[in-house]
C-alpha atoms as a PDB file:
ATOM      1  CA  MET A   1     -30.806 -26.114  10.601  1.00  0.00           C
ATOM      2  CA  GLU A   2     -29.210 -29.192   9.443  1.00  0.00           C
ATOM      3  CA  ASN A   3     -26.034 -28.411   6.876  1.00  0.00           C
ATOM      4  CA  PRO A   4     -26.084 -30.242   3.729  1.00  0.00           C
ATOM      5  CA  THR A   5     -23.212 -32.895   3.087  1.00  0.00           C
ATOM      6  CA  THR A   6     -20.342 -32.076   0.838  1.00  0.00           C
ATOM      7  CA  ASP A   7     -21.601 -34.238  -1.770  1.00  0.00           C
ATOM      8  CA  ALA A   8     -25.139 -32.924  -1.988  1.00  0.00           C
ATOM      9  CA  SER A   9     -23.880 -29.462  -1.514  1.00  0.00           C
ATOM     10  CA  PRO A  10     -23.921 -26.845  -4.599  1.00  0.00           C
ATOM     11  CA  THR A  11     -21.262 -24.956  -3.120  1.00  0.00           C
ATOM     12  CA  PHE A  12     -19.081 -28.064  -1.927  1.00  0.00           C
ATOM     13  CA  PHE A  13     -19.769 -26.823   1.839  1.00  0.00           C
ATOM     14  CA  GLY A  14     -17.353 -28.772   3.935  1.00  0.00           C
ATOM     15  CA  LEU A  15     -14.904 -29.629   1.413  1.00  0.00           C
ATOM     16  CA  LEU A  16     -11.157 -29.524   2.560  1.00  0.00           C
ATOM     17  CA  ASP A  17      -8.187 -29.435   0.368  1.00  0.00           C
ATOM     18  CA  THR A  18      -4.584 -29.284   1.558  1.00  0.00           C
ATOM     19  CA  ARG A  19      -2.322 -27.404  -0.840  1.00  0.00           C
ATOM     20  CA  ASP A  20       1.527 -27.170  -1.662  1.00  0.00           C
ATOM     21  CA  ASP A  21       1.375 -25.206  -4.932  1.00  0.00           C
ATOM     22  CA  PRO A  22       4.412 -23.496  -6.628  1.00  0.00           C
ATOM     23  CA  LEU A  23       4.652 -19.876  -6.329  1.00  0.00           C
ATOM     24  CA  THR A  24       6.197 -18.732  -9.848  1.00  0.00           C
ATOM     25  CA  ARG A  25       6.933 -15.027 -11.334  1.00  0.00           C
ATOM     26  CA  GLY A  26       4.489 -15.559 -14.133  1.00  0.00           C
ATOM     27  CA  PRO A  27       1.762 -17.583 -15.143  1.00  0.00           C
ATOM     28  CA  GLU A  28       3.504 -20.124 -17.209  1.00  0.00           C
ATOM     29  CA  GLU A  29       4.731 -23.532 -15.699  1.00  0.00           C
ATOM     30  CA  SER A  30       8.278 -22.514 -16.695  1.00  0.00           C
ATOM     31  CA  SER A  31       8.240 -19.209 -14.866  1.00  0.00           C
ATOM     32  CA  GLU A  32      10.854 -18.540 -12.337  1.00  0.00           C
ATOM     33  CA  ARG A  33       9.971 -20.661  -9.290  1.00  0.00           C
ATOM     34  CA  LEU A  34       9.855 -18.167  -5.906  1.00  0.00           C
ATOM     35  CA  GLY A  35       8.671 -20.699  -3.457  1.00  0.00           C
ATOM     36  CA  TYR A  36       5.326 -22.446  -2.415  1.00  0.00           C
ATOM     37  CA  ALA A  37       1.900 -21.752  -1.279  1.00  0.00           C
ATOM     38  CA  GLN A  38       1.207 -24.284   1.329  1.00  0.00           C
ATOM     39  CA  GLY A  39      -2.077 -24.441   3.346  1.00  0.00           C
ATOM     40  CA  ILE A  40      -5.656 -25.400   3.549  1.00  0.00           C
ATOM     41  CA  SER A  41      -8.483 -24.317   1.200  1.00  0.00           C
ATOM     42  CA  ALA A  42     -11.954 -25.172   2.705  1.00  0.00           C
ATOM     43  CA  ALA A  43     -15.543 -24.527   1.129  1.00  0.00           C
ATOM     44  CA  ALA A  44     -16.962 -22.527   3.880  1.00  0.00           C
ATOM     45  CA  SER A  45     -20.217 -20.846   2.365  1.00  0.00           C
ATOM     46  CA  LEU A  46     -23.680 -22.358   2.199  1.00  0.00           C
ATOM     47  CA  GLU A  47     -24.620 -19.215  -0.110  1.00  0.00           C
ATOM     48  CA  GLU A  48     -21.892 -19.359  -2.707  1.00  0.00           C
ATOM     49  CA  ILE A  49     -18.707 -21.183  -3.984  1.00  0.00           C
ATOM     50  CA  SER A  50     -16.233 -19.713  -1.768  1.00  0.00           C
ATOM     51  CA  SER A  51     -12.728 -20.664  -0.421  1.00  0.00           C
ATOM     52  CA  PHE A  52     -11.546 -19.903   3.247  1.00  0.00           C
ATOM     53  CA  ASP A  53      -8.084 -20.116   3.048  1.00  0.00           C
ATOM     54  CA  PRO A  54      -5.221 -19.862   5.632  1.00  0.00           C
ATOM     55  CA  PHE A  55      -1.926 -20.190   3.810  1.00  0.00           C
ATOM     56  CA  THR A  56       1.720 -19.645   4.176  1.00  0.00           C
ATOM     57  CA  PHE A  57       3.909 -18.674   1.280  1.00  0.00           C
ATOM     58  CA  VAL A  58       7.255 -20.143   1.763  1.00  0.00           C
ATOM     59  CA  PHE A  59      10.114 -18.490  -0.319  1.00  0.00           C
ATOM     60  CA  THR A  60      12.843 -20.388  -1.637  1.00  0.00           C
ATOM     61  CA  SER A  61      14.529 -18.233  -3.939  1.00  0.00           C
ATOM     62  CA  LYS A  62      17.451 -15.633  -3.681  1.00  0.00           C
ATOM     63  CA  GLU A  63      17.221 -13.020  -1.004  1.00  0.00           C
ATOM     64  CA  HIS A  64      13.790 -14.312   0.431  1.00  0.00           C
ATOM     65  CA  ASN A  65      15.183 -18.066   0.712  1.00  0.00           C
ATOM     66  CA  GLY A  66      13.685 -19.262   4.257  1.00  0.00           C
ATOM     67  CA  SER A  67      11.062 -16.477   4.674  1.00  0.00           C
ATOM     68  CA  THR A  68       7.540 -16.580   5.054  1.00  0.00           C
ATOM     69  CA  LEU A  69       4.111 -14.632   4.562  1.00  0.00           C
ATOM     70  CA  ALA A  70       1.141 -15.857   6.485  1.00  0.00           C
ATOM     71  CA  VAL A  71      -2.195 -15.122   4.591  1.00  0.00           C
ATOM     72  CA  LEU A  72      -5.742 -15.663   5.768  1.00  0.00           C
ATOM     73  CA  GLY A  73      -9.108 -14.737   4.216  1.00  0.00           C
ATOM     74  CA  SER A  74     -12.036 -15.981   1.968  1.00  0.00           C
ATOM     75  CA  CYS A  75     -12.585 -15.822  -1.652  1.00  0.00           C
ATOM     76  CA  PRO A  76     -15.580 -16.189  -3.410  1.00  0.00           C
ATOM     77  CA  ILE A  77     -14.991 -18.098  -6.838  1.00  0.00           C
ATOM     78  CA  SER A  78     -17.630 -15.761  -8.669  1.00  0.00           C
ATOM     79  CA  LYS A  79     -15.971 -12.669  -8.136  1.00  0.00           C
ATOM     80  CA  PRO A  80     -13.260 -11.813 -10.707  1.00  0.00           C
ATOM     81  CA  SER A  81     -10.654 -10.660  -7.614  1.00  0.00           C
ATOM     82  CA  CYS A  82     -10.725 -10.693  -3.955  1.00  0.00           C
ATOM     83  CA  GLU A  83      -8.481  -9.651  -1.098  1.00  0.00           C
ATOM     84  CA  THR A  84      -7.202 -11.429   1.785  1.00  0.00           C
ATOM     85  CA  ALA A  85      -4.975 -10.298   4.757  1.00  0.00           C
ATOM     86  CA  VAL A  86      -1.310 -10.948   5.405  1.00  0.00           C
ATOM     87  CA  VAL A  87      -1.250 -11.552   8.962  1.00  0.00           C
ATOM     88  CA  GLY A  88       2.344 -12.333   9.736  1.00  0.00           C
ATOM     89  CA  GLY A  89       5.646 -13.503   8.399  1.00  0.00           C
ATOM     90  CA  SER A  90       9.181 -14.497   9.367  1.00  0.00           C
ATOM     91  CA  GLY A  91      12.834 -14.030   7.960  1.00  0.00           C
ATOM     92  CA  VAL A  92      12.787 -10.772   5.945  1.00  0.00           C
ATOM     93  CA  PHE A  93       9.043 -10.467   6.500  1.00  0.00           C
ATOM     94  CA  ARG A  94       9.022 -10.591  10.095  1.00  0.00           C
ATOM     95  CA  LEU A  95       5.960  -9.341  11.660  1.00  0.00           C
ATOM     96  CA  ALA A  96       4.382  -8.406   8.157  1.00  0.00           C
ATOM     97  CA  ARG A  97       0.985  -6.909   7.930  1.00  0.00           C
ATOM     98  CA  GLY A  98      -0.594  -6.460   4.501  1.00  0.00           C
ATOM     99  CA  LEU A  99      -2.976  -7.174   1.731  1.00  0.00           C
ATOM    100  CA  VAL A 100      -2.996  -9.725  -0.821  1.00  0.00           C
ATOM    101  CA  THR A 101      -5.129  -9.245  -3.913  1.00  0.00           C
ATOM    102  CA  THR A 102      -5.820 -12.458  -6.100  1.00  0.00           C
ATOM    103  CA  LYS A 103      -7.225 -12.720  -9.661  1.00  0.00           C
ATOM    104  CA  SER A 104      -8.096 -16.075 -11.524  1.00  0.00           C
ATOM    105  CA  TYR A 105      -6.554 -16.488 -14.765  1.00  0.00           C
ATOM    106  CA  TYR A 106      -7.735 -20.166 -15.270  1.00  0.00           C
ATOM    107  CA  ILE A 107      -9.722 -22.437 -12.843  1.00  0.00           C
ATOM    108  CA  ASN A 108     -10.560 -26.139 -13.831  1.00  0.00           C
ATOM    109  CA  PHE A 109     -12.803 -27.830 -11.295  1.00  0.00           C
ATOM    110  CA  THR A 110     -12.432 -31.427 -12.826  1.00  0.00           C
ATOM    111  CA  THR A 111      -8.556 -31.313 -12.804  1.00  0.00           C
ATOM    112  CA  GLY A 112      -8.308 -28.914  -9.543  1.00  0.00           C
ATOM    113  CA  LYS A 113      -5.674 -27.130 -11.622  1.00  0.00           C
ATOM    114  CA  ALA A 114      -5.690 -23.114 -11.308  1.00  0.00           C
ATOM    115  CA  ILE A 115      -3.600 -20.287 -12.279  1.00  0.00           C
ATOM    116  CA  LEU A 116      -3.934 -17.092 -10.189  1.00  0.00           C
ATOM    117  CA  ASP A 117      -2.371 -13.743 -10.361  1.00  0.00           C
ATOM    118  CA  ILE A 118      -1.485 -12.961  -6.610  1.00  0.00           C
ATOM    119  CA  SER A 119      -0.164  -9.379  -5.824  1.00  0.00           C
ATOM    120  CA  VAL A 120       1.264  -8.602  -2.372  1.00  0.00           C
ATOM    121  CA  VAL A 121       1.678  -5.525  -0.364  1.00  0.00           C
ATOM    122  CA  ALA A 122       3.275  -6.159   2.945  1.00  0.00           C
ATOM    123  CA  LEU A 123       4.614  -3.927   5.626  1.00  0.00           C
ATOM    124  CA  HIS A 124       7.563  -5.538   7.567  1.00  0.00           C
ATOM    125  CA  TYR A 125      10.610  -4.935   9.783  1.00  0.00           C
END
């Protein structure tokens, strides 16, 4: 079976987007900056608009400065929330394992802007 090209695909299959997004305490742009979500979003489904996301949360604030959490998983855009896995970490989050729950507040495909509520439960040393 031949895969559709990204431009012709209704699910944007094959689209890659490199991210370096702010992590903030709340949804407002003026909210306290905690760090950055750095990684790649890949449209990886032929069936629905779904994002495969290998990300690193890089923390820059206070006691977590320089620490990271590695996150991996897929999120269908049509669902109100999704779960992905914490697969590692560094600094205060060394050897982390856990769960990330993401809920969408706002998504605009035209501007590429989104506001997400991200909750993390992580076990670490």
